[in-house]
Every structure is written in structure tokens, then in C-alpha cells.
Amino acid sequence: MNQPKKNRRRVRGVVVSDRTAKTIGVRVTRRFRHPKYGKMVRTDRVICAHDEAEAAHLGDVVEIVECRPMSRTKRWRLAEVVERNPDQAAVSGEEVSAVEVSAEVVKGSRRP
């Protein structure tokens, strides 16, 4: 009964959505030569992937792997976070309260 696991497709892309719980949207870019005209064509598609630990955030470069259907739209799961988004890491690394940020915004505005 134990069957060996098949080689599953692995693709690399950028996280464009992380709003839903345990789900990320990954933009995967594919380049290929047009069969008739020979021009290099680039196509993007957004794939919904399962992120159990919610480790990936907006702008991260991730690798996803094909898996069994998890829901109507999810047939991929997160394999690893290859590269963190430097902007997102800086925001999460700094501990600045929301009150301090809003005070700076009000101080810098031109409203009386």
C-alpha cells in the first residue's frame, strides 16, 4: 500500500497577498519563447498556497510545492521562504508604538 512519493513541481515566486488566514497569494512569472513568432513572452499568474505557520509576508520570495487539494483554490503549499522582504523586516524589527507614529504624522501636517 505504501507508494513512493512522486516528484512534485516546485516553483518560486513573490508573495502578493497574505491577508487570509493560512493562505498566501504567490505571483509566479514564467518566461518562454513564443512558438510562432519567437519573441520571449512573460506571463504571470497568482497561485493560492497553504501557509500553515503563516511564515511568509508581503514581498517575500518563496518556494511553493504542489500538493493534494486543500480547498477549492489551494493546490500548493509553502515549502520555504527563500528571501525576506527588506522593507517588511525593517517594519517588524523596529518596536515603534502606533501613538508615536501618529504623533509624528500630526506634527508634520500643515493643518491648523
C-alpha atoms as a PDB file:
ATOM      1  CA  MET A   1       0.000   0.000   0.000  1.00  0.00           C
ATOM      2  CA  ASN A   2       2.875   2.391   0.603  1.00  0.00           C
ATOM      3  CA  GLN A   3       3.601   4.083  -2.665  1.00  0.00           C
ATOM      4  CA  PRO A   4       6.698   6.219  -3.163  1.00  0.00           C
ATOM      5  CA  LYS A   5       6.065   9.949  -3.356  1.00  0.00           C
ATOM      6  CA  LYS A   6       6.053  11.421  -6.824  1.00  0.00           C
ATOM      7  CA  ASN A   7       8.329  14.251  -7.789  1.00  0.00           C
ATOM      8  CA  ARG A   8       6.245  17.327  -7.184  1.00  0.00           C
ATOM      9  CA  ARG A   9       6.579  20.588  -9.071  1.00  0.00           C
ATOM     10  CA  ARG A  10       8.368  23.368  -7.208  1.00  0.00           C
ATOM     11  CA  VAL A  11       8.089  26.980  -8.306  1.00  0.00           C
ATOM     12  CA  ARG A  12       9.474  30.240  -6.946  1.00  0.00           C
ATOM     13  CA  GLY A  13       7.512  33.467  -6.712  1.00  0.00           C
ATOM     14  CA  VAL A  14       6.768  36.634  -4.758  1.00  0.00           C
ATOM     15  CA  VAL A  15       4.040  36.903  -2.122  1.00  0.00           C
ATOM     16  CA  VAL A  16       1.438  39.447  -3.272  1.00  0.00           C
ATOM     17  CA  SER A  17      -1.265  38.690  -0.692  1.00  0.00           C
ATOM     18  CA  ASP A  18      -1.152  37.436   2.899  1.00  0.00           C
ATOM     19  CA  ARG A  19      -4.454  38.741   4.249  1.00  0.00           C
ATOM     20  CA  THR A  20      -6.374  35.475   4.557  1.00  0.00           C
ATOM     21  CA  ALA A  21      -5.688  33.025   7.361  1.00  0.00           C
ATOM     22  CA  LYS A  22      -3.097  30.351   6.482  1.00  0.00           C
ATOM     23  CA  THR A  23      -3.221  31.305   2.788  1.00  0.00           C
ATOM     24  CA  ILE A  24      -0.837  33.335   0.652  1.00  0.00           C
ATOM     25  CA  GLY A  25      -1.100  34.541  -2.916  1.00  0.00           C
ATOM     26  CA  VAL A  26       2.138  33.967  -4.835  1.00  0.00           C
ATOM     27  CA  ARG A  27       2.874  35.632  -8.186  1.00  0.00           C
ATOM     28  CA  VAL A  28       4.814  33.195 -10.360  1.00  0.00           C
ATOM     29  CA  THR A  29       6.433  34.594 -13.508  1.00  0.00           C
ATOM     30  CA  ARG A  30       7.104  32.292 -16.442  1.00  0.00           C
ATOM     31  CA  ARG A  31       9.196  33.205 -19.495  1.00  0.00           C
ATOM     32  CA  PHE A  32       9.049  31.233 -22.704  1.00  0.00           C
ATOM     33  CA  ARG A  33       9.665  31.679 -26.397  1.00  0.00           C
ATOM     34  CA  HIS A  34       6.505  32.209 -28.461  1.00  0.00           C
ATOM     35  CA  PRO A  35       6.039  29.138 -30.657  1.00  0.00           C
ATOM     36  CA  LYS A  36       5.218  31.036 -33.845  1.00  0.00           C
ATOM     37  CA  TYR A  37       6.944  34.420 -33.574  1.00  0.00           C
ATOM     38  CA  GLY A  38       9.976  33.517 -31.476  1.00  0.00           C
ATOM     39  CA  LYS A  39       9.654  36.503 -29.142  1.00  0.00           C
ATOM     40  CA  MET A  40      10.267  35.961 -25.433  1.00  0.00           C
ATOM     41  CA  VAL A  41       6.928  36.200 -23.650  1.00  0.00           C
ATOM     42  CA  ARG A  42       6.458  36.727 -19.927  1.00  0.00           C
ATOM     43  CA  THR A  43       3.276  35.578 -18.208  1.00  0.00           C
ATOM     44  CA  ASP A  44       2.326  35.991 -14.563  1.00  0.00           C
ATOM     45  CA  ARG A  45      -0.195  34.069 -12.560  1.00  0.00           C
ATOM     46  CA  VAL A  46      -1.199  34.256  -8.934  1.00  0.00           C
ATOM     47  CA  ILE A  47      -1.323  30.915  -7.140  1.00  0.00           C
ATOM     48  CA  CYS A  48      -3.032  30.426  -3.782  1.00  0.00           C
ATOM     49  CA  ALA A  49      -0.801  28.406  -1.450  1.00  0.00           C
ATOM     50  CA  HIS A  50      -1.234  26.988   2.043  1.00  0.00           C
ATOM     51  CA  ASP A  51       0.956  28.578   4.736  1.00  0.00           C
ATOM     52  CA  GLU A  52       0.320  26.653   7.954  1.00  0.00           C
ATOM     53  CA  ALA A  53       2.675  28.679  10.186  1.00  0.00           C
ATOM     54  CA  GLU A  54       1.899  32.000   8.457  1.00  0.00           C
ATOM     55  CA  ALA A  55       5.642  32.499   7.963  1.00  0.00           C
ATOM     56  CA  ALA A  56       5.509  34.357   4.634  1.00  0.00           C
ATOM     57  CA  HIS A  57       4.651  38.043   4.375  1.00  0.00           C
ATOM     58  CA  LEU A  58       4.054  40.543   1.615  1.00  0.00           C
ATOM     59  CA  GLY A  59       7.010  40.877  -0.766  1.00  0.00           C
ATOM     60  CA  ASP A  60       8.873  37.746   0.381  1.00  0.00           C
ATOM     61  CA  VAL A  61      10.373  35.445  -2.239  1.00  0.00           C
ATOM     62  CA  VAL A  62       9.047  31.943  -1.527  1.00  0.00           C
ATOM     63  CA  GLU A  63       9.186  28.467  -2.962  1.00  0.00           C
ATOM     64  CA  ILE A  64       5.932  26.519  -3.166  1.00  0.00           C
ATOM     65  CA  VAL A  65       5.351  22.858  -3.922  1.00  0.00           C
ATOM     66  CA  GLU A  66       2.381  21.047  -5.430  1.00  0.00           C
ATOM     67  CA  CYS A  67       0.229  19.031  -3.026  1.00  0.00           C
ATOM     68  CA  ARG A  68      -3.197  17.483  -2.608  1.00  0.00           C
ATOM     69  CA  PRO A  69      -6.209  19.822  -2.913  1.00  0.00           C
ATOM     70  CA  MET A  70      -6.643  21.729   0.352  1.00  0.00           C
ATOM     71  CA  SER A  71      -9.674  23.714  -0.800  1.00  0.00           C
ATOM     72  CA  ARG A  72     -11.365  24.863  -3.991  1.00  0.00           C
ATOM     73  CA  THR A  73      -8.467  27.138  -4.920  1.00  0.00           C
ATOM     74  CA  LYS A  74      -5.456  25.788  -2.978  1.00  0.00           C
ATOM     75  CA  ARG A  75      -3.385  23.012  -4.555  1.00  0.00           C
ATOM     76  CA  TRP A  76       0.032  24.286  -3.452  1.00  0.00           C
ATOM     77  CA  ARG A  77       1.759  24.655  -0.075  1.00  0.00           C
ATOM     78  CA  LEU A  78       4.661  26.758   1.151  1.00  0.00           C
ATOM     79  CA  ALA A  79       7.973  24.871   1.050  1.00  0.00           C
ATOM     80  CA  GLU A  80      10.306  27.622   2.280  1.00  0.00           C
ATOM     81  CA  VAL A  81      10.824  31.355   2.478  1.00  0.00           C
ATOM     82  CA  VAL A  82      13.839  31.961   0.236  1.00  0.00           C
ATOM     83  CA  GLU A  83      14.310  35.685   0.839  1.00  0.00           C
ATOM     84  CA  ARG A  84      12.610  38.118   3.203  1.00  0.00           C
ATOM     85  CA  ASN A  85      11.301  41.481   2.008  1.00  0.00           C
ATOM     86  CA  PRO A  86      13.732  44.038   3.479  1.00  0.00           C
ATOM     87  CA  ASP A  87      11.005  46.686   3.886  1.00  0.00           C
ATOM     88  CA  GLN A  88       8.743  44.296   5.791  1.00  0.00           C
ATOM     89  CA  ALA A  89      11.603  43.062   8.003  1.00  0.00           C
ATOM     90  CA  ALA A  90      12.515  46.632   8.970  1.00  0.00           C
ATOM     91  CA  VAL A  91       8.934  47.395   9.999  1.00  0.00           C
ATOM     92  CA  SER A  92       8.585  44.254  12.104  1.00  0.00           C
ATOM     93  CA  GLY A  93      12.077  44.652  13.617  1.00  0.00           C
ATOM     94  CA  GLU A  94      11.514  48.135  14.955  1.00  0.00           C
ATOM     95  CA  GLU A  95       9.344  48.488  18.014  1.00  0.00           C
ATOM     96  CA  VAL A  96       7.539  51.772  17.491  1.00  0.00           C
ATOM     97  CA  SER A  97       4.166  52.272  19.076  1.00  0.00           C
ATOM     98  CA  ALA A  98       1.228  53.450  16.992  1.00  0.00           C
ATOM     99  CA  VAL A  99       0.855  56.526  19.233  1.00  0.00           C
ATOM    100  CA  GLU A 100       4.402  57.711  18.427  1.00  0.00           C
ATOM    101  CA  VAL A 101       3.836  57.259  14.700  1.00  0.00           C
ATOM    102  CA  SER A 102       0.516  59.103  14.727  1.00  0.00           C
ATOM    103  CA  ALA A 103       2.064  61.931  16.800  1.00  0.00           C
ATOM    104  CA  GLU A 104       4.798  62.365  14.188  1.00  0.00           C
ATOM    105  CA  VAL A 105       2.234  62.463  11.389  1.00  0.00           C
ATOM    106  CA  VAL A 106       0.137  65.106  13.150  1.00  0.00           C
ATOM    107  CA  LYS A 107       3.207  67.189  13.982  1.00  0.00           C
ATOM    108  CA  GLY A 108       4.354  67.163  10.357  1.00  0.00           C
ATOM    109  CA  SER A 109       0.961  68.036   8.844  1.00  0.00           C
ATOM    110  CA  ARG A 110       0.074  71.569   7.745  1.00  0.00           C
ATOM    111  CA  ARG A 111      -3.398  71.609   9.205  1.00  0.00           C
ATOM    112  CA  PRO A 112      -4.026  74.161  11.971  1.00  0.00           C
END
